[in-house]
């Protein structure tokens, strides 16, 4: 499986090249195979009035869905692609959510919400089918957990190992995903478990729905000991 270029500048350039045209049909085409996104949104359940961040927000499709599902939440999104953010801003404006959804261009492996948005942390951070496109995906996990407030949660949904699907399907899917620089993160569960231990957090849920087609994780930050 091939990954996109490892440096942020080259990654941004490639993402813009990929999505310059795809962004116009992205949501229509992806709804058939990015499984589990709406289920994740249903389980976010942020406390009323709390802040929610999506890393790799793309077209803002998920953020708009979260805004509708949780009308009291304050929403934020980052993406490295300026092309995708063009579509995201258009969607947010069209849905009348500009006062509730704030967007910024940022590298998911190194960002500071205080600089981007003037906020210190988030009650919920979620990552939907973005880790599989980021070479330094473990750095994204580290960053995400660092900005989850104590008692808050990190939610992740992405391609899984397809372990309960026919071998021919798994091989074909991975070859097809590689054409789009997508690599399922087979080590996600182990990486999250190791990271959580060092970040005063715990993996409270790890599931492999749709016969392993997807993987869904929830990692919760602990409250500091008094």
C-alpha atoms as a PDB file:
ATOM      1  CA  UNK A   1       0.000   0.000   0.000  1.00  0.00           C
ATOM      2  CA  UNK A   2       1.313   3.430  -0.865  1.00  0.00           C
ATOM      3  CA  UNK A   3       0.976   6.411   1.437  1.00  0.00           C
ATOM      4  CA  UNK A   4       0.926  10.055   0.495  1.00  0.00           C
ATOM      5  CA  UNK A   5       4.142  12.006   0.860  1.00  0.00           C
ATOM      6  CA  UNK A   6       5.265  12.275   4.452  1.00  0.00           C
ATOM      7  CA  UNK A   7       6.039  16.001   4.618  1.00  0.00           C
ATOM      8  CA  UNK A   8       3.127  18.379   5.380  1.00  0.00           C
ATOM      9  CA  UNK A   9       3.805  20.559   2.328  1.00  0.00           C
ATOM     10  CA  UNK A  10       3.852  17.651  -0.100  1.00  0.00           C
ATOM     11  CA  UNK A  11       0.841  16.089   1.602  1.00  0.00           C
ATOM     12  CA  UNK A  12      -1.156  19.299   1.208  1.00  0.00           C
ATOM     13  CA  UNK A  13      -0.157  19.589  -2.439  1.00  0.00           C
ATOM     14  CA  UNK A  14      -1.219  16.024  -3.165  1.00  0.00           C
ATOM     15  CA  UNK A  15      -4.501  16.369  -1.295  1.00  0.00           C
ATOM     16  CA  UNK A  16      -5.338  19.513  -3.235  1.00  0.00           C
ATOM     17  CA  UNK A  17      -4.523  17.766  -6.492  1.00  0.00           C
ATOM     18  CA  UNK A  18      -6.682  14.764  -5.605  1.00  0.00           C
ATOM     19  CA  UNK A  19      -9.669  16.801  -4.414  1.00  0.00           C
ATOM     20  CA  UNK A  20      -9.592  19.745  -6.805  1.00  0.00           C
ATOM     21  CA  UNK A  21     -12.279  18.019  -8.873  1.00  0.00           C
ATOM     22  CA  UNK A  22     -13.376  15.213  -6.548  1.00  0.00           C
ATOM     23  CA  UNK A  23     -14.634  17.643  -3.911  1.00  0.00           C
ATOM     24  CA  UNK A  24     -17.627  18.425  -6.134  1.00  0.00           C
ATOM     25  CA  UNK A  25     -18.859  14.802  -6.059  1.00  0.00           C
ATOM     26  CA  UNK A  26     -17.148  13.606  -2.873  1.00  0.00           C
ATOM     27  CA  UNK A  27     -20.181  13.249  -0.616  1.00  0.00           C
ATOM     28  CA  UNK A  28     -22.343  11.650  -3.277  1.00  0.00           C
ATOM     29  CA  UNK A  29     -19.771   8.970  -4.076  1.00  0.00           C
ATOM     30  CA  UNK A  30     -18.383   8.270  -0.600  1.00  0.00           C
ATOM     31  CA  UNK A  31     -21.687   7.562   1.103  1.00  0.00           C
ATOM     32  CA  UNK A  32     -21.674   4.062  -0.394  1.00  0.00           C
ATOM     33  CA  UNK A  33     -18.425   2.881   1.168  1.00  0.00           C
ATOM     34  CA  UNK A  34     -17.423   5.129   4.091  1.00  0.00           C
ATOM     35  CA  UNK A  35     -19.477   3.005   6.446  1.00  0.00           C
ATOM     36  CA  UNK A  36     -20.124   3.836  10.083  1.00  0.00           C
ATOM     37  CA  UNK A  37     -19.851   7.624   9.976  1.00  0.00           C
ATOM     38  CA  UNK A  38     -23.435   8.324  11.037  1.00  0.00           C
ATOM     39  CA  UNK A  39     -23.278   5.631  13.708  1.00  0.00           C
ATOM     40  CA  UNK A  40     -20.210   7.358  15.147  1.00  0.00           C
ATOM     41  CA  UNK A  41     -22.005  10.697  15.112  1.00  0.00           C
ATOM     42  CA  UNK A  42     -24.940   9.184  17.003  1.00  0.00           C
ATOM     43  CA  UNK A  43     -22.533   7.987  19.693  1.00  0.00           C
ATOM     44  CA  UNK A  44     -20.542  11.206  20.106  1.00  0.00           C
ATOM     45  CA  UNK A  45     -23.069  12.598  22.601  1.00  0.00           C
ATOM     46  CA  UNK A  46     -21.129  15.729  23.638  1.00  0.00           C
ATOM     47  CA  UNK A  47     -22.371  17.491  26.772  1.00  0.00           C
ATOM     48  CA  UNK A  48     -24.568  20.511  25.930  1.00  0.00           C
ATOM     49  CA  UNK A  49     -22.567  23.601  25.081  1.00  0.00           C
ATOM     50  CA  UNK A  50     -19.260  21.745  24.763  1.00  0.00           C
ATOM     51  CA  UNK A  51     -16.736  21.988  21.917  1.00  0.00           C
ATOM     52  CA  UNK A  52     -16.360  19.305  19.223  1.00  0.00           C
ATOM     53  CA  UNK A  53     -13.486  19.089  16.712  1.00  0.00           C
ATOM     54  CA  UNK A  54     -13.267  17.046  13.532  1.00  0.00           C
ATOM     55  CA  UNK A  55      -9.747  16.311  12.294  1.00  0.00           C
ATOM     56  CA  UNK A  56      -9.746  15.978   8.509  1.00  0.00           C
ATOM     57  CA  UNK A  57     -13.161  17.591   8.103  1.00  0.00           C
ATOM     58  CA  UNK A  58     -13.181  17.436   4.291  1.00  0.00           C
ATOM     59  CA  UNK A  59     -16.404  18.862   2.879  1.00  0.00           C
ATOM     60  CA  UNK A  60     -17.870  19.453   6.384  1.00  0.00           C
ATOM     61  CA  UNK A  61     -20.499  16.788   5.719  1.00  0.00           C
ATOM     62  CA  UNK A  62     -19.929  15.267   9.151  1.00  0.00           C
ATOM     63  CA  UNK A  63     -19.796  18.598  10.962  1.00  0.00           C
ATOM     64  CA  UNK A  64     -23.137  19.613   9.471  1.00  0.00           C
ATOM     65  CA  UNK A  65     -24.610  16.285  10.600  1.00  0.00           C
ATOM     66  CA  UNK A  66     -23.210  16.805  14.113  1.00  0.00           C
ATOM     67  CA  UNK A  67     -24.640  20.337  14.193  1.00  0.00           C
ATOM     68  CA  UNK A  68     -28.089  18.996  13.387  1.00  0.00           C
ATOM     69  CA  UNK A  69     -27.821  16.115  15.843  1.00  0.00           C
ATOM     70  CA  UNK A  70     -26.454  18.241  18.716  1.00  0.00           C
ATOM     71  CA  UNK A  71     -27.798  21.801  18.325  1.00  0.00           C
ATOM     72  CA  UNK A  72     -26.058  23.103  21.458  1.00  0.00           C
ATOM     73  CA  UNK A  73     -22.537  21.991  20.489  1.00  0.00           C
ATOM     74  CA  UNK A  74     -19.845  24.410  19.293  1.00  0.00           C
ATOM     75  CA  UNK A  75     -18.142  22.842  16.274  1.00  0.00           C
ATOM     76  CA  UNK A  76     -14.673  23.129  14.769  1.00  0.00           C
ATOM     77  CA  UNK A  77     -12.949  21.480  11.830  1.00  0.00           C
ATOM     78  CA  UNK A  78      -9.452  21.316  10.401  1.00  0.00           C
ATOM     79  CA  UNK A  79      -8.172  20.015   7.087  1.00  0.00           C
ATOM     80  CA  UNK A  80      -4.879  20.287   5.226  1.00  0.00           C
ATOM     81  CA  UNK A  81      -6.550  20.678   1.817  1.00  0.00           C
ATOM     82  CA  UNK A  82      -7.513  24.188   0.785  1.00  0.00           C
ATOM     83  CA  UNK A  83      -9.648  22.673  -1.975  1.00  0.00           C
ATOM     84  CA  UNK A  84     -11.732  20.673   0.488  1.00  0.00           C
ATOM     85  CA  UNK A  85     -12.065  23.689   2.766  1.00  0.00           C
ATOM     86  CA  UNK A  86     -13.530  25.674  -0.126  1.00  0.00           C
ATOM     87  CA  UNK A  87     -16.346  23.150  -0.362  1.00  0.00           C
ATOM     88  CA  UNK A  88     -16.620  22.944   3.439  1.00  0.00           C
ATOM     89  CA  UNK A  89     -17.090  26.692   3.807  1.00  0.00           C
ATOM     90  CA  UNK A  90     -19.663  26.738   1.021  1.00  0.00           C
ATOM     91  CA  UNK A  91     -21.617  23.942   2.692  1.00  0.00           C
ATOM     92  CA  UNK A  92     -21.508  25.577   6.123  1.00  0.00           C
ATOM     93  CA  UNK A  93     -22.752  28.855   4.652  1.00  0.00           C
ATOM     94  CA  UNK A  94     -25.464  27.129   2.641  1.00  0.00           C
ATOM     95  CA  UNK A  95     -26.739  25.318   5.731  1.00  0.00           C
ATOM     96  CA  UNK A  96     -26.791  28.538   7.761  1.00  0.00           C
ATOM     97  CA  UNK A  97     -24.258  27.200  10.264  1.00  0.00           C
ATOM     98  CA  UNK A  98     -21.431  29.721   9.930  1.00  0.00           C
ATOM     99  CA  UNK A  99     -22.042  30.944  13.475  1.00  0.00           C
ATOM    100  CA  UNK A 100     -21.648  27.421  14.896  1.00  0.00           C
ATOM    101  CA  UNK A 101     -18.975  25.778  12.727  1.00  0.00           C
ATOM    102  CA  UNK A 102     -15.473  27.246  12.521  1.00  0.00           C
ATOM    103  CA  UNK A 103     -12.969  25.898   9.992  1.00  0.00           C
ATOM    104  CA  UNK A 104      -9.211  26.244   9.630  1.00  0.00           C
ATOM    105  CA  UNK A 105      -6.442  24.869   7.449  1.00  0.00           C
ATOM    106  CA  UNK A 106      -4.023  22.860   9.576  1.00  0.00           C
ATOM    107  CA  UNK A 107      -1.763  19.831   9.555  1.00  0.00           C
ATOM    108  CA  UNK A 108      -3.335  17.126  11.723  1.00  0.00           C
ATOM    109  CA  UNK A 109       0.079  15.980  12.966  1.00  0.00           C
ATOM    110  CA  UNK A 110       0.947  19.377  14.481  1.00  0.00           C
ATOM    111  CA  UNK A 111      -1.718  21.896  15.370  1.00  0.00           C
ATOM    112  CA  UNK A 112      -2.662  24.102  18.298  1.00  0.00           C
ATOM    113  CA  UNK A 113      -6.356  24.951  18.805  1.00  0.00           C
ATOM    114  CA  UNK A 114      -5.429  28.010  20.868  1.00  0.00           C
ATOM    115  CA  UNK A 115      -3.700  29.481  17.804  1.00  0.00           C
ATOM    116  CA  UNK A 116      -6.302  28.301  15.293  1.00  0.00           C
ATOM    117  CA  UNK A 117      -9.499  28.996  17.216  1.00  0.00           C
ATOM    118  CA  UNK A 118      -8.596  30.599  20.539  1.00  0.00           C
ATOM    119  CA  UNK A 119      -9.811  27.567  22.536  1.00  0.00           C
ATOM    120  CA  UNK A 120      -7.792  25.288  24.842  1.00  0.00           C
ATOM    121  CA  UNK A 121      -9.360  21.856  24.296  1.00  0.00           C
ATOM    122  CA  UNK A 122     -12.408  19.872  23.210  1.00  0.00           C
ATOM    123  CA  UNK A 123     -14.946  17.617  24.870  1.00  0.00           C
ATOM    124  CA  UNK A 124     -15.069  15.460  21.750  1.00  0.00           C
ATOM    125  CA  UNK A 125     -12.632  15.006  18.877  1.00  0.00           C
ATOM    126  CA  UNK A 126     -13.483  12.696  16.014  1.00  0.00           C
ATOM    127  CA  UNK A 127     -11.598  11.408  12.978  1.00  0.00           C
ATOM    128  CA  UNK A 128     -13.587   9.873  10.145  1.00  0.00           C
ATOM    129  CA  UNK A 129     -11.742   7.997   7.395  1.00  0.00           C
ATOM    130  CA  UNK A 130      -8.756  10.339   7.548  1.00  0.00           C
ATOM    131  CA  UNK A 131      -6.110   8.322   9.401  1.00  0.00           C
ATOM    132  CA  UNK A 132      -5.870   5.961   6.440  1.00  0.00           C
ATOM    133  CA  UNK A 133      -4.677   8.855   4.268  1.00  0.00           C
ATOM    134  CA  UNK A 134      -2.093  10.319   6.644  1.00  0.00           C
ATOM    135  CA  UNK A 135       1.379   8.686   6.668  1.00  0.00           C
ATOM    136  CA  UNK A 136       2.204   9.904  10.192  1.00  0.00           C
ATOM    137  CA  UNK A 137      -1.158   8.715  11.498  1.00  0.00           C
ATOM    138  CA  UNK A 138       0.158   7.824  14.936  1.00  0.00           C
ATOM    139  CA  UNK A 139       1.261  11.448  15.371  1.00  0.00           C
ATOM    140  CA  UNK A 140      -2.334  12.446  14.661  1.00  0.00           C
ATOM    141  CA  UNK A 141      -3.513  10.211  17.495  1.00  0.00           C
ATOM    142  CA  UNK A 142      -0.990  11.833  19.844  1.00  0.00           C
ATOM    143  CA  UNK A 143      -2.126  15.319  18.863  1.00  0.00           C
ATOM    144  CA  UNK A 144      -5.795  14.435  19.135  1.00  0.00           C
ATOM    145  CA  UNK A 145      -5.536  12.988  22.631  1.00  0.00           C
ATOM    146  CA  UNK A 146      -3.446  15.953  23.753  1.00  0.00           C
ATOM    147  CA  UNK A 147      -6.338  18.309  22.958  1.00  0.00           C
ATOM    148  CA  UNK A 148      -9.139  16.201  24.483  1.00  0.00           C
ATOM    149  CA  UNK A 149     -10.058  17.638  27.857  1.00  0.00           C
ATOM    150  CA  UNK A 150     -10.154  15.349  30.938  1.00  0.00           C
ATOM    151  CA  UNK A 151     -13.332  13.310  30.781  1.00  0.00           C
ATOM    152  CA  UNK A 152     -13.606  13.923  27.052  1.00  0.00           C
ATOM    153  CA  UNK A 153     -13.444  11.390  24.241  1.00  0.00           C
ATOM    154  CA  UNK A 154     -11.659  10.728  20.958  1.00  0.00           C
ATOM    155  CA  UNK A 155     -13.794   8.838  18.405  1.00  0.00           C
ATOM    156  CA  UNK A 156     -12.311   7.203  15.301  1.00  0.00           C
ATOM    157  CA  UNK A 157     -13.925   5.402  12.390  1.00  0.00           C
ATOM    158  CA  UNK A 158     -11.925   4.165   9.416  1.00  0.00           C
ATOM    159  CA  UNK A 159     -11.274   1.204   7.170  1.00  0.00           C
ATOM    160  CA  UNK A 160     -10.649  -2.002   9.089  1.00  0.00           C
ATOM    161  CA  UNK A 161      -8.835  -5.231   8.331  1.00  0.00           C
ATOM    162  CA  UNK A 162     -11.793  -6.859   6.520  1.00  0.00           C
ATOM    163  CA  UNK A 163     -10.879 -10.033   8.429  1.00  0.00           C
ATOM    164  CA  UNK A 164     -14.365 -11.579   8.230  1.00  0.00           C
ATOM    165  CA  UNK A 165     -14.832 -10.822   4.540  1.00  0.00           C
ATOM    166  CA  UNK A 166     -13.753 -13.079   1.635  1.00  0.00           C
ATOM    167  CA  UNK A 167     -10.004 -12.874   0.856  1.00  0.00           C
ATOM    168  CA  UNK A 168     -10.706 -11.835  -2.733  1.00  0.00           C
ATOM    169  CA  UNK A 169     -12.764  -8.884  -1.460  1.00  0.00           C
ATOM    170  CA  UNK A 170     -10.069  -7.803   0.987  1.00  0.00           C
ATOM    171  CA  UNK A 171      -7.344  -7.958  -1.673  1.00  0.00           C
ATOM    172  CA  UNK A 172      -9.448  -6.120  -4.247  1.00  0.00           C
ATOM    173  CA  UNK A 173     -10.513  -3.422  -1.784  1.00  0.00           C
ATOM    174  CA  UNK A 174      -6.954  -2.716  -0.680  1.00  0.00           C
ATOM    175  CA  UNK A 175      -5.683  -2.512  -4.223  1.00  0.00           C
ATOM    176  CA  UNK A 176      -8.467  -0.109  -5.096  1.00  0.00           C
ATOM    177  CA  UNK A 177      -7.873   2.031  -1.994  1.00  0.00           C
ATOM    178  CA  UNK A 178      -4.174   2.244  -2.820  1.00  0.00           C
ATOM    179  CA  UNK A 179      -5.079   4.069  -6.042  1.00  0.00           C
ATOM    180  CA  UNK A 180      -6.361   6.888  -3.820  1.00  0.00           C
ATOM    181  CA  UNK A 181      -3.352   6.756  -1.434  1.00  0.00           C
ATOM    182  CA  UNK A 182      -5.448   5.089   1.269  1.00  0.00           C
ATOM    183  CA  UNK A 183      -3.952   2.457   3.601  1.00  0.00           C
ATOM    184  CA  UNK A 184      -6.113   0.800   6.295  1.00  0.00           C
ATOM    185  CA  UNK A 185      -4.403   1.138   9.670  1.00  0.00           C
ATOM    186  CA  UNK A 186      -4.229  -2.453  10.853  1.00  0.00           C
ATOM    187  CA  UNK A 187      -2.257  -1.425  13.929  1.00  0.00           C
ATOM    188  CA  UNK A 188      -4.807   1.084  15.183  1.00  0.00           C
ATOM    189  CA  UNK A 189      -6.001  -0.890  18.208  1.00  0.00           C
ATOM    190  CA  UNK A 190      -2.480  -1.632  19.459  1.00  0.00           C
ATOM    191  CA  UNK A 191      -1.297   1.929  18.833  1.00  0.00           C
ATOM    192  CA  UNK A 192      -4.266   3.403  20.668  1.00  0.00           C
ATOM    193  CA  UNK A 193      -3.775   1.093  23.628  1.00  0.00           C
ATOM    194  CA  UNK A 194      -0.099   2.038  23.952  1.00  0.00           C
ATOM    195  CA  UNK A 195      -0.749   5.728  23.484  1.00  0.00           C
ATOM    196  CA  UNK A 196      -3.642   5.796  25.935  1.00  0.00           C
ATOM    197  CA  UNK A 197      -1.455   4.392  28.683  1.00  0.00           C
ATOM    198  CA  UNK A 198       1.054   7.219  28.243  1.00  0.00           C
ATOM    199  CA  UNK A 199      -1.613   9.933  27.876  1.00  0.00           C
ATOM    200  CA  UNK A 200      -3.713   9.253  30.988  1.00  0.00           C
ATOM    201  CA  UNK A 201      -6.461   7.776  28.840  1.00  0.00           C
ATOM    202  CA  UNK A 202      -8.173   4.460  28.187  1.00  0.00           C
ATOM    203  CA  UNK A 203      -9.631   2.747  25.135  1.00  0.00           C
ATOM    204  CA  UNK A 204     -13.233   2.322  26.260  1.00  0.00           C
ATOM    205  CA  UNK A 205     -14.474   0.751  23.029  1.00  0.00           C
ATOM    206  CA  UNK A 206     -13.010  -0.937  19.984  1.00  0.00           C
ATOM    207  CA  UNK A 207     -15.278  -2.551  17.441  1.00  0.00           C
ATOM    208  CA  UNK A 208     -14.889  -4.036  13.966  1.00  0.00           C
ATOM    209  CA  UNK A 209     -18.347  -3.649  12.399  1.00  0.00           C
ATOM    210  CA  UNK A 210     -19.511  -4.767   8.972  1.00  0.00           C
ATOM    211  CA  UNK A 211     -17.510  -8.016   9.232  1.00  0.00           C
ATOM    212  CA  UNK A 212     -14.335  -6.053   9.798  1.00  0.00           C
ATOM    213  CA  UNK A 213     -14.832  -3.687   6.867  1.00  0.00           C
ATOM    214  CA  UNK A 214     -14.535  -0.780   9.315  1.00  0.00           C
ATOM    215  CA  UNK A 215     -13.063  -0.197  12.743  1.00  0.00           C
ATOM    216  CA  UNK A 216     -14.503   2.088  15.399  1.00  0.00           C
ATOM    217  CA  UNK A 217     -12.660   3.221  18.513  1.00  0.00           C
ATOM    218  CA  UNK A 218     -13.415   5.417  21.501  1.00  0.00           C
ATOM    219  CA  UNK A 219     -10.610   6.628  23.756  1.00  0.00           C
ATOM    220  CA  UNK A 220     -11.447   8.556  26.935  1.00  0.00           C
ATOM    221  CA  UNK A 221      -9.149  10.953  28.793  1.00  0.00           C
ATOM    222  CA  UNK A 222      -8.991  10.394  32.532  1.00  0.00           C
ATOM    223  CA  UNK A 223      -9.619  13.043  35.149  1.00  0.00           C
ATOM    224  CA  UNK A 224      -6.449  14.027  37.027  1.00  0.00           C
ATOM    225  CA  UNK A 225      -5.977  12.460  40.429  1.00  0.00           C
ATOM    226  CA  UNK A 226      -6.593  14.770  43.375  1.00  0.00           C
END
